[in-house]
C-alpha atoms as a PDB file:
ATOM      1  CA  UNK A   1     -10.954  -5.625 -18.653  1.00  0.00           C
ATOM      2  CA  UNK A   2     -13.686  -3.128 -19.694  1.00  0.00           C
ATOM      3  CA  UNK A   3     -15.476  -3.862 -16.429  1.00  0.00           C
ATOM      4  CA  UNK A   4     -12.339  -3.076 -14.403  1.00  0.00           C
ATOM      5  CA  UNK A   5     -11.790   0.184 -16.312  1.00  0.00           C
ATOM      6  CA  UNK A   6     -15.437   1.162 -15.802  1.00  0.00           C
ATOM      7  CA  UNK A   7     -15.218   0.403 -12.051  1.00  0.00           C
ATOM      8  CA  UNK A   8     -11.993   2.384 -11.757  1.00  0.00           C
ATOM      9  CA  UNK A   9     -13.564   5.350 -13.544  1.00  0.00           C
ATOM     10  CA  UNK A  10     -16.608   5.260 -11.261  1.00  0.00           C
ATOM     11  CA  UNK A  11     -14.405   5.153  -8.145  1.00  0.00           C
ATOM     12  CA  UNK A  12     -12.329   8.099  -9.392  1.00  0.00           C
ATOM     13  CA  UNK A  13     -15.510  10.090 -10.131  1.00  0.00           C
ATOM     14  CA  UNK A  14     -16.874   9.467  -6.629  1.00  0.00           C
ATOM     15  CA  UNK A  15     -13.553  10.516  -5.083  1.00  0.00           C
ATOM     16  CA  UNK A  16     -13.439  13.669  -7.229  1.00  0.00           C
ATOM     17  CA  UNK A  17     -16.964  14.656  -6.127  1.00  0.00           C
ATOM     18  CA  UNK A  18     -16.034  14.084  -2.470  1.00  0.00           C
ATOM     19  CA  UNK A  19     -12.918  16.256  -2.766  1.00  0.00           C
ATOM     20  CA  UNK A  20     -14.915  18.999  -4.503  1.00  0.00           C
ATOM     21  CA  UNK A  21     -17.443  18.981  -1.663  1.00  0.00           C
ATOM     22  CA  UNK A  22     -14.603  19.207   0.847  1.00  0.00           C
ATOM     23  CA  UNK A  23     -13.070  22.113  -1.037  1.00  0.00           C
ATOM     24  CA  UNK A  24     -16.370  24.012  -0.999  1.00  0.00           C
ATOM     25  CA  UNK A  25     -16.744  23.419   2.737  1.00  0.00           C
ATOM     26  CA  UNK A  26     -13.181  24.540   3.436  1.00  0.00           C
ATOM     27  CA  UNK A  27     -13.770  27.860   1.663  1.00  0.00           C
ATOM     28  CA  UNK A  28     -16.556  28.595   4.142  1.00  0.00           C
ATOM     29  CA  UNK A  29     -14.607  27.543   7.239  1.00  0.00           C
ATOM     30  CA  UNK A  30     -11.823  29.176   9.234  1.00  0.00           C
ATOM     31  CA  UNK A  31      -8.368  27.572   8.702  1.00  0.00           C
ATOM     32  CA  UNK A  32      -8.513  24.997  11.480  1.00  0.00           C
ATOM     33  CA  UNK A  33      -7.929  21.222  11.347  1.00  0.00           C
ATOM     34  CA  UNK A  34     -10.913  19.075  10.446  1.00  0.00           C
ATOM     35  CA  UNK A  35     -12.181  16.747  13.205  1.00  0.00           C
ATOM     36  CA  UNK A  36     -10.848  13.754  11.301  1.00  0.00           C
ATOM     37  CA  UNK A  37      -7.418  15.367  11.020  1.00  0.00           C
ATOM     38  CA  UNK A  38      -7.475  16.327  14.687  1.00  0.00           C
ATOM     39  CA  UNK A  39      -8.195  12.682  15.473  1.00  0.00           C
ATOM     40  CA  UNK A  40      -5.203  11.533  13.408  1.00  0.00           C
ATOM     41  CA  UNK A  41      -2.926  14.115  15.012  1.00  0.00           C
ATOM     42  CA  UNK A  42      -4.128  13.190  18.491  1.00  0.00           C
ATOM     43  CA  UNK A  43      -3.483   9.504  17.805  1.00  0.00           C
ATOM     44  CA  UNK A  44       0.037  10.308  16.570  1.00  0.00           C
ATOM     45  CA  UNK A  45       0.777  12.418  19.649  1.00  0.00           C
ATOM     46  CA  UNK A  46      -0.466   9.661  21.993  1.00  0.00           C
ATOM     47  CA  UNK A  47       1.736   7.073  20.332  1.00  0.00           C
ATOM     48  CA  UNK A  48       4.747   9.376  20.240  1.00  0.00           C
ATOM     49  CA  UNK A  49       4.354  10.363  23.902  1.00  0.00           C
ATOM     50  CA  UNK A  50       4.000   6.773  25.099  1.00  0.00           C
ATOM     51  CA  UNK A  51       6.948   5.659  23.011  1.00  0.00           C
ATOM     52  CA  UNK A  52       9.166   8.546  24.121  1.00  0.00           C
ATOM     53  CA  UNK A  53       8.554   7.705  27.762  1.00  0.00           C
ATOM     54  CA  UNK A  54      10.165   4.301  27.319  1.00  0.00           C
ATOM     55  CA  UNK A  55      12.784   4.736  24.577  1.00  0.00           C
ATOM     56  CA  UNK A  56      15.970   2.816  25.343  1.00  0.00           C
ATOM     57  CA  UNK A  57      19.464   4.159  24.882  1.00  0.00           C
ATOM     58  CA  UNK A  58      21.956   3.464  22.141  1.00  0.00           C
ATOM     59  CA  UNK A  59      25.334   2.037  22.996  1.00  0.00           C
ATOM     60  CA  UNK A  60      28.200   2.716  20.569  1.00  0.00           C
ATOM     61  CA  UNK A  61      25.654   3.629  17.907  1.00  0.00           C
ATOM     62  CA  UNK A  62      23.801   0.314  18.207  1.00  0.00           C
ATOM     63  CA  UNK A  63      20.127   0.316  19.252  1.00  0.00           C
ATOM     64  CA  UNK A  64      19.552  -1.517  22.526  1.00  0.00           C
ATOM     65  CA  UNK A  65      16.661  -3.959  22.657  1.00  0.00           C
ATOM     66  CA  UNK A  66      14.818  -4.064  25.968  1.00  0.00           C
ATOM     67  CA  UNK A  67      11.651  -5.546  27.390  1.00  0.00           C
ATOM     68  CA  UNK A  68       8.825  -3.282  26.295  1.00  0.00           C
ATOM     69  CA  UNK A  69       7.494  -1.192  29.141  1.00  0.00           C
ATOM     70  CA  UNK A  70       4.828   0.805  27.341  1.00  0.00           C
ATOM     71  CA  UNK A  71       1.413   1.096  28.892  1.00  0.00           C
ATOM     72  CA  UNK A  72      -0.675  -1.895  27.692  1.00  0.00           C
ATOM     73  CA  UNK A  73      -3.574   0.552  27.239  1.00  0.00           C
ATOM     74  CA  UNK A  74      -1.637   1.796  24.215  1.00  0.00           C
ATOM     75  CA  UNK A  75      -2.346  -1.520  22.505  1.00  0.00           C
ATOM     76  CA  UNK A  76      -6.068  -1.198  23.229  1.00  0.00           C
ATOM     77  CA  UNK A  77      -6.222   1.647  20.705  1.00  0.00           C
ATOM     78  CA  UNK A  78      -5.015  -0.740  17.994  1.00  0.00           C
ATOM     79  CA  UNK A  79      -7.807  -2.376  15.951  1.00  0.00           C
ATOM     80  CA  UNK A  80      -5.895  -5.664  15.979  1.00  0.00           C
ATOM     81  CA  UNK A  81      -5.722  -5.649  19.785  1.00  0.00           C
ATOM     82  CA  UNK A  82      -8.963  -3.869  20.729  1.00  0.00           C
ATOM     83  CA  UNK A  83     -10.828  -7.101  21.515  1.00  0.00           C
ATOM     84  CA  UNK A  84      -8.151  -8.368  23.927  1.00  0.00           C
ATOM     85  CA  UNK A  85      -8.569  -8.293  27.676  1.00  0.00           C
ATOM     86  CA  UNK A  86      -6.281  -6.167  29.855  1.00  0.00           C
ATOM     87  CA  UNK A  87      -4.412  -9.295  30.951  1.00  0.00           C
ATOM     88  CA  UNK A  88      -3.867 -10.368  27.321  1.00  0.00           C
ATOM     89  CA  UNK A  89      -2.561  -6.931  26.398  1.00  0.00           C
ATOM     90  CA  UNK A  90      -0.067  -7.106  29.260  1.00  0.00           C
ATOM     91  CA  UNK A  91       1.172 -10.457  27.953  1.00  0.00           C
ATOM     92  CA  UNK A  92       1.409  -9.000  24.451  1.00  0.00           C
ATOM     93  CA  UNK A  93       3.373  -5.969  25.649  1.00  0.00           C
ATOM     94  CA  UNK A  94       5.722  -8.076  27.775  1.00  0.00           C
ATOM     95  CA  UNK A  95       6.615 -10.236  24.750  1.00  0.00           C
ATOM     96  CA  UNK A  96       7.853  -7.254  22.729  1.00  0.00           C
ATOM     97  CA  UNK A  97      11.112  -5.322  22.625  1.00  0.00           C
ATOM     98  CA  UNK A  98      11.948  -1.739  21.700  1.00  0.00           C
ATOM     99  CA  UNK A  99      14.040  -0.836  18.694  1.00  0.00           C
ATOM    100  CA  UNK A 100      15.240   2.629  17.753  1.00  0.00           C
ATOM    101  CA  UNK A 101      15.920   3.729  14.180  1.00  0.00           C
ATOM    102  CA  UNK A 102      17.767   6.847  13.127  1.00  0.00           C
ATOM    103  CA  UNK A 103      16.734   8.796  10.027  1.00  0.00           C
ATOM    104  CA  UNK A 104      17.780   6.795   6.982  1.00  0.00           C
ATOM    105  CA  UNK A 105      18.332   3.581   8.953  1.00  0.00           C
ATOM    106  CA  UNK A 106      16.837   0.378   7.547  1.00  0.00           C
ATOM    107  CA  UNK A 107      14.689  -1.924   9.697  1.00  0.00           C
ATOM    108  CA  UNK A 108      14.752  -4.785   7.165  1.00  0.00           C
ATOM    109  CA  UNK A 109      15.478  -5.319   3.474  1.00  0.00           C
ATOM    110  CA  UNK A 110      13.518  -6.843   0.640  1.00  0.00           C
ATOM    111  CA  UNK A 111      14.236 -10.565   0.366  1.00  0.00           C
ATOM    112  CA  UNK A 112      15.489 -11.041   3.930  1.00  0.00           C
ATOM    113  CA  UNK A 113      13.761 -13.658   6.132  1.00  0.00           C
ATOM    114  CA  UNK A 114      10.815 -12.141   8.005  1.00  0.00           C
ATOM    115  CA  UNK A 115      11.783 -13.143  11.541  1.00  0.00           C
ATOM    116  CA  UNK A 116      10.082 -10.289  13.405  1.00  0.00           C
ATOM    117  CA  UNK A 117       6.838  -8.320  13.426  1.00  0.00           C
ATOM    118  CA  UNK A 118       7.113  -4.569  13.979  1.00  0.00           C
ATOM    119  CA  UNK A 119       4.672  -1.932  15.229  1.00  0.00           C
ATOM    120  CA  UNK A 120       5.520   1.748  14.643  1.00  0.00           C
ATOM    121  CA  UNK A 121       5.392   3.659  17.932  1.00  0.00           C
ATOM    122  CA  UNK A 122       6.837   6.967  16.725  1.00  0.00           C
ATOM    123  CA  UNK A 123       8.297   8.375  13.528  1.00  0.00           C
ATOM    124  CA  UNK A 124       7.529   7.427   9.917  1.00  0.00           C
ATOM    125  CA  UNK A 125       8.728   4.404   7.965  1.00  0.00           C
ATOM    126  CA  UNK A 126       8.682   4.105   4.183  1.00  0.00           C
ATOM    127  CA  UNK A 127       8.174   0.659   2.646  1.00  0.00           C
ATOM    128  CA  UNK A 128       9.956   0.366  -0.699  1.00  0.00           C
ATOM    129  CA  UNK A 129      10.270  -2.202  -3.464  1.00  0.00           C
ATOM    130  CA  UNK A 130      12.778  -2.276  -6.299  1.00  0.00           C
ATOM    131  CA  UNK A 131      11.128  -1.956  -9.715  1.00  0.00           C
ATOM    132  CA  UNK A 132      12.048  -3.864 -12.888  1.00  0.00           C
ATOM    133  CA  UNK A 133      14.253  -0.901 -13.816  1.00  0.00           C
ATOM    134  CA  UNK A 134      15.957  -0.966 -10.389  1.00  0.00           C
ATOM    135  CA  UNK A 135      14.249   2.282  -9.373  1.00  0.00           C
ATOM    136  CA  UNK A 136      12.756   2.414  -5.853  1.00  0.00           C
ATOM    137  CA  UNK A 137       8.961   2.448  -5.543  1.00  0.00           C
ATOM    138  CA  UNK A 138       7.411   3.515  -2.233  1.00  0.00           C
ATOM    139  CA  UNK A 139       4.484   1.205  -1.526  1.00  0.00           C
ATOM    140  CA  UNK A 140       3.284   3.196   1.457  1.00  0.00           C
ATOM    141  CA  UNK A 141       4.413   5.255   4.436  1.00  0.00           C
ATOM    142  CA  UNK A 142       3.711   3.676   7.827  1.00  0.00           C
ATOM    143  CA  UNK A 143       2.642   6.058  10.583  1.00  0.00           C
ATOM    144  CA  UNK A 144       2.562   5.628  14.395  1.00  0.00           C
ATOM    145  CA  UNK A 145       0.228   2.799  15.373  1.00  0.00           C
ATOM    146  CA  UNK A 146       0.642   0.820  12.134  1.00  0.00           C
ATOM    147  CA  UNK A 147       2.169  -2.625  11.645  1.00  0.00           C
ATOM    148  CA  UNK A 148       4.908  -3.056   9.064  1.00  0.00           C
ATOM    149  CA  UNK A 149       4.215  -5.754   6.461  1.00  0.00           C
ATOM    150  CA  UNK A 150       0.935  -6.840   7.995  1.00  0.00           C
ATOM    151  CA  UNK A 151       0.687  -9.868   5.710  1.00  0.00           C
ATOM    152  CA  UNK A 152       3.762 -11.396   7.340  1.00  0.00           C
ATOM    153  CA  UNK A 153       1.958 -11.409  10.692  1.00  0.00           C
ATOM    154  CA  UNK A 154      -0.072 -14.428   9.574  1.00  0.00           C
ATOM    155  CA  UNK A 155       2.277 -16.406   7.343  1.00  0.00           C
ATOM    156  CA  UNK A 156       6.052 -16.899   7.299  1.00  0.00           C
ATOM    157  CA  UNK A 157       8.266 -15.947   4.402  1.00  0.00           C
ATOM    158  CA  UNK A 158      10.626 -13.235   3.251  1.00  0.00           C
ATOM    159  CA  UNK A 159      10.168  -9.486   3.307  1.00  0.00           C
ATOM    160  CA  UNK A 160       8.438  -8.138   0.212  1.00  0.00           C
ATOM    161  CA  UNK A 161       9.835  -4.641   0.761  1.00  0.00           C
ATOM    162  CA  UNK A 162      12.601  -2.635   2.385  1.00  0.00           C
ATOM    163  CA  UNK A 163      11.626  -0.535   5.426  1.00  0.00           C
ATOM    164  CA  UNK A 164      13.584   2.677   5.960  1.00  0.00           C
ATOM    165  CA  UNK A 165      13.078   5.417   8.535  1.00  0.00           C
ATOM    166  CA  UNK A 166      12.193   8.840   7.117  1.00  0.00           C
ATOM    167  CA  UNK A 167      13.012  10.341  10.516  1.00  0.00           C
ATOM    168  CA  UNK A 168      13.955   9.068  13.961  1.00  0.00           C
ATOM    169  CA  UNK A 169      11.552   6.267  14.840  1.00  0.00           C
ATOM    170  CA  UNK A 170      10.843   3.695  17.541  1.00  0.00           C
ATOM    171  CA  UNK A 171       9.334   0.259  17.002  1.00  0.00           C
ATOM    172  CA  UNK A 172       7.788  -2.456  19.120  1.00  0.00           C
ATOM    173  CA  UNK A 173       9.237  -5.756  17.901  1.00  0.00           C
ATOM    174  CA  UNK A 174       7.889  -9.284  18.384  1.00  0.00           C
ATOM    175  CA  UNK A 175       9.959 -12.330  17.339  1.00  0.00           C
ATOM    176  CA  UNK A 176       7.869 -14.131  14.733  1.00  0.00           C
ATOM    177  CA  UNK A 177       7.953 -17.439  16.619  1.00  0.00           C
ATOM    178  CA  UNK A 178       6.646 -15.728  19.755  1.00  0.00           C
ATOM    179  CA  UNK A 179       4.052 -13.825  17.690  1.00  0.00           C
ATOM    180  CA  UNK A 180       2.611 -17.016  16.213  1.00  0.00           C
ATOM    181  CA  UNK A 181       2.376 -18.437  19.726  1.00  0.00           C
ATOM    182  CA  UNK A 182       0.441 -15.332  20.777  1.00  0.00           C
ATOM    183  CA  UNK A 183      -1.934 -15.804  17.835  1.00  0.00           C
ATOM    184  CA  UNK A 184      -2.704 -19.324  19.011  1.00  0.00           C
ATOM    185  CA  UNK A 185      -3.311 -18.121  22.567  1.00  0.00           C
ATOM    186  CA  UNK A 186      -5.310 -15.041  21.506  1.00  0.00           C
ATOM    187  CA  UNK A 187      -7.356 -15.903  18.389  1.00  0.00           C
ATOM    188  CA  UNK A 188      -9.246 -12.612  18.708  1.00  0.00           C
ATOM    189  CA  UNK A 189      -6.187 -10.912  17.199  1.00  0.00           C
ATOM    190  CA  UNK A 190      -6.940 -12.588  13.858  1.00  0.00           C
ATOM    191  CA  UNK A 191     -10.207 -10.688  13.403  1.00  0.00           C
ATOM    192  CA  UNK A 192      -8.456  -7.369  13.904  1.00  0.00           C
ATOM    193  CA  UNK A 193      -5.636  -8.317  11.531  1.00  0.00           C
ATOM    194  CA  UNK A 194      -8.165  -9.260   8.838  1.00  0.00           C
ATOM    195  CA  UNK A 195      -9.806  -5.830   9.168  1.00  0.00           C
ATOM    196  CA  UNK A 196      -6.443  -4.083   8.857  1.00  0.00           C
ATOM    197  CA  UNK A 197      -5.550  -6.136   5.796  1.00  0.00           C
ATOM    198  CA  UNK A 198      -8.855  -5.197   4.171  1.00  0.00           C
ATOM    199  CA  UNK A 199      -8.139  -1.522   4.849  1.00  0.00           C
ATOM    200  CA  UNK A 200      -4.634  -1.735   3.386  1.00  0.00           C
ATOM    201  CA  UNK A 201      -5.977  -3.515   0.296  1.00  0.00           C
ATOM    202  CA  UNK A 202      -8.601  -0.811  -0.213  1.00  0.00           C
ATOM    203  CA  UNK A 203      -5.964   1.926   0.028  1.00  0.00           C
ATOM    204  CA  UNK A 204      -3.672   0.077  -2.386  1.00  0.00           C
ATOM    205  CA  UNK A 205      -6.520  -0.304  -4.879  1.00  0.00           C
ATOM    206  CA  UNK A 206      -7.248   3.409  -4.613  1.00  0.00           C
ATOM    207  CA  UNK A 207      -3.647   4.268  -5.453  1.00  0.00           C
ATOM    208  CA  UNK A 208      -3.708   1.811  -8.366  1.00  0.00           C
ATOM    209  CA  UNK A 209      -6.785   3.569  -9.755  1.00  0.00           C
ATOM    210  CA  UNK A 210      -4.986   6.917  -9.442  1.00  0.00           C
ATOM    211  CA  UNK A 211      -1.925   5.660 -11.327  1.00  0.00           C
ATOM    212  CA  UNK A 212      -4.106   4.084 -14.034  1.00  0.00           C
ATOM    213  CA  UNK A 213      -6.475   7.009 -14.563  1.00  0.00           C
ATOM    214  CA  UNK A 214      -4.853  10.288 -13.432  1.00  0.00           C
ATOM    215  CA  UNK A 215      -2.079  12.368 -14.926  1.00  0.00           C
ATOM    216  CA  UNK A 216       1.052  13.153 -12.913  1.00  0.00           C
ATOM    217  CA  UNK A 217      -0.029  16.533 -11.422  1.00  0.00           C
ATOM    218  CA  UNK A 218      -3.284  15.074 -10.080  1.00  0.00           C
ATOM    219  CA  UNK A 219      -1.495  11.995  -8.704  1.00  0.00           C
ATOM    220  CA  UNK A 220       0.921  14.231  -6.830  1.00  0.00           C
ATOM    221  CA  UNK A 221      -1.941  16.395  -5.517  1.00  0.00           C
ATOM    222  CA  UNK A 222      -3.780  13.311  -4.227  1.00  0.00           C
ATOM    223  CA  UNK A 223      -0.609  12.020  -2.535  1.00  0.00           C
ATOM    224  CA  UNK A 224       0.075  15.353  -0.816  1.00  0.00           C
ATOM    225  CA  UNK A 225      -3.541  15.598   0.390  1.00  0.00           C
ATOM    226  CA  UNK A 226      -3.296  12.120   1.925  1.00  0.00           C
ATOM    227  CA  UNK A 227      -0.083  13.071   3.712  1.00  0.00           C
ATOM    228  CA  UNK A 228      -1.703  16.272   4.993  1.00  0.00           C
ATOM    229  CA  UNK A 229      -4.522  14.210   6.516  1.00  0.00           C
ATOM    230  CA  UNK A 230      -2.185  11.574   7.931  1.00  0.00           C
ATOM    231  CA  UNK A 231       0.655  13.779   9.185  1.00  0.00           C
ATOM    232  CA  UNK A 232      -0.369  17.415   8.867  1.00  0.00           C
ATOM    233  CA  UNK A 233       0.741  19.920  11.494  1.00  0.00           C
ATOM    234  CA  UNK A 234      -1.083  23.220  11.589  1.00  0.00           C
ATOM    235  CA  UNK A 235       1.067  26.367  11.431  1.00  0.00           C
ATOM    236  CA  UNK A 236       0.312  30.042  10.948  1.00  0.00           C
ATOM    237  CA  UNK A 237       1.243  29.837   7.258  1.00  0.00           C
ATOM    238  CA  UNK A 238      -0.585  26.591   6.519  1.00  0.00           C
ATOM    239  CA  UNK A 239      -0.296  22.848   7.145  1.00  0.00           C
ATOM    240  CA  UNK A 240       3.148  21.251   7.196  1.00  0.00           C
ATOM    241  CA  UNK A 241       3.762  17.552   6.551  1.00  0.00           C
ATOM    242  CA  UNK A 242       5.288  16.584   9.871  1.00  0.00           C
ATOM    243  CA  UNK A 243       8.264  14.529   8.691  1.00  0.00           C
ATOM    244  CA  UNK A 244      11.098  14.948   6.182  1.00  0.00           C
ATOM    245  CA  UNK A 245       9.932  14.212   2.644  1.00  0.00           C
ATOM    246  CA  UNK A 246      12.236  14.686  -0.336  1.00  0.00           C
ATOM    247  CA  UNK A 247      11.054  15.253  -3.879  1.00  0.00           C
ATOM    248  CA  UNK A 248      12.605  11.913  -4.785  1.00  0.00           C
ATOM    249  CA  UNK A 249      10.423  10.268  -2.103  1.00  0.00           C
ATOM    250  CA  UNK A 250       7.340  11.948  -3.565  1.00  0.00           C
ATOM    251  CA  UNK A 251       8.324  10.742  -7.048  1.00  0.00           C
ATOM    252  CA  UNK A 252       8.747   7.169  -5.772  1.00  0.00           C
ATOM    253  CA  UNK A 253       5.368   7.413  -4.012  1.00  0.00           C
ATOM    254  CA  UNK A 254       3.467   8.565  -7.113  1.00  0.00           C
ATOM    255  CA  UNK A 255       5.164   6.532  -9.848  1.00  0.00           C
ATOM    256  CA  UNK A 256       6.858   9.385 -11.673  1.00  0.00           C
ATOM    257  CA  UNK A 257      10.278  10.994 -12.039  1.00  0.00           C
ATOM    258  CA  UNK A 258      12.170  13.490  -9.904  1.00  0.00           C
ATOM    259  CA  UNK A 259      12.135  15.916 -12.840  1.00  0.00           C
ATOM    260  CA  UNK A 260       8.334  15.855 -13.045  1.00  0.00           C
ATOM    261  CA  UNK A 261       7.888  16.331  -9.296  1.00  0.00           C
ATOM    262  CA  UNK A 262      10.349  19.245  -9.202  1.00  0.00           C
ATOM    263  CA  UNK A 263       8.683  20.952 -12.172  1.00  0.00           C
ATOM    264  CA  UNK A 264       5.159  20.566 -10.768  1.00  0.00           C
ATOM    265  CA  UNK A 265       5.999  21.603  -7.202  1.00  0.00           C
ATOM    266  CA  UNK A 266       7.905  24.656  -8.460  1.00  0.00           C
ATOM    267  CA  UNK A 267       4.817  25.731 -10.395  1.00  0.00           C
ATOM    268  CA  UNK A 268       2.631  25.262  -7.308  1.00  0.00           C
ATOM    269  CA  UNK A 269       5.063  27.314  -5.222  1.00  0.00           C
ATOM    270  CA  UNK A 270       4.816  30.206  -7.694  1.00  0.00           C
ATOM    271  CA  UNK A 271       1.017  30.066  -7.402  1.00  0.00           C
ATOM    272  CA  UNK A 272       1.180  30.108  -3.594  1.00  0.00           C
ATOM    273  CA  UNK A 273      -0.364  26.652  -3.158  1.00  0.00           C
ATOM    274  CA  UNK A 274       2.650  25.214  -1.329  1.00  0.00           C
ATOM    275  CA  UNK A 275       5.947  26.375   0.130  1.00  0.00           C
ATOM    276  CA  UNK A 276       8.858  23.998  -0.260  1.00  0.00           C
ATOM    277  CA  UNK A 277      12.274  23.561   1.218  1.00  0.00           C
ATOM    278  CA  UNK A 278      14.918  20.919   1.660  1.00  0.00           C
ATOM    279  CA  UNK A 279      12.991  17.756   2.569  1.00  0.00           C
ATOM    280  CA  UNK A 280      10.018  19.746   3.834  1.00  0.00           C
ATOM    281  CA  UNK A 281       6.608  20.627   2.417  1.00  0.00           C
ATOM    282  CA  UNK A 282       4.098  23.239   3.634  1.00  0.00           C
ATOM    283  CA  UNK A 283       0.622  23.355   2.072  1.00  0.00           C
ATOM    284  CA  UNK A 284      -0.542  26.970   2.150  1.00  0.00           C
ATOM    285  CA  UNK A 285      -3.855  26.595   0.288  1.00  0.00           C
ATOM    286  CA  UNK A 286      -5.643  23.263   0.776  1.00  0.00           C
ATOM    287  CA  UNK A 287      -8.779  24.201  -1.273  1.00  0.00           C
ATOM    288  CA  UNK A 288      -6.536  25.138  -4.210  1.00  0.00           C
ATOM    289  CA  UNK A 289      -4.704  21.816  -3.893  1.00  0.00           C
ATOM    290  CA  UNK A 290      -8.050  19.979  -3.874  1.00  0.00           C
ATOM    291  CA  UNK A 291      -9.005  21.768  -7.082  1.00  0.00           C
ATOM    292  CA  UNK A 292      -5.712  20.644  -8.640  1.00  0.00           C
ATOM    293  CA  UNK A 293      -6.472  17.064  -7.550  1.00  0.00           C
ATOM    294  CA  UNK A 294      -9.914  17.122  -9.185  1.00  0.00           C
ATOM    295  CA  UNK A 295      -9.147  19.217 -12.271  1.00  0.00           C
ATOM    296  CA  UNK A 296     -10.400  17.609 -15.518  1.00  0.00           C
END
């Protein structure tokens, strides 16, 4: 146990030093997106544009499933599919269907049989579990280009979480039986899936270290900084998180209460670090937020 605590402390210290270095660099730079953030935004725009070009209609409020007609080159940008040939990507795309979700709509629920694999093409999906006290806990937010419940892509079972759309979203959907057939025909997919699983595990461990070693204000600051990098949209007044995010969602994402989130964000608004609104968040001073994330 002491070894785990020591490792967690070392990881937190390294992360704090990295954020401090970033804050110092940002003070000396004009307020423009970092190259890494520009890359994330460009990837999101590519996925959203390709998905929007092929979104099916709804009939009587029900999403229509249709043969997926996205450009197979879209799949080449996915780590899981990067090693596939053009012909294999066409087969993969042809086996999928489109599904539309409205804001607040649920793609699947915790405990239901996992009969399909889903890739986010546009929008944002929150993956939630019910805690021992029946409170929702957000495990992560899936962004365009990410697979929902990646672990289910390699073994059957039931959903470990509930997936709900934070905003209008579109998904590529593979029936699980067809997906397992594709894995047998295209074993190169397995290498990419293993890399994605390793990345998700690393991110989950990082959040666990935050919950175990940081107080609530610093946990919230870290969460907001991640969302800025993943879904930040530059505006004249700052960087806006580009999807609806309630204070309750932020509480469920950081393992705290709505009261704590409201109190902390109100204090940051008064200091000019952020500007809030109903289900919206604008970061006005990223260096100041980094200092809050690394404060002793």
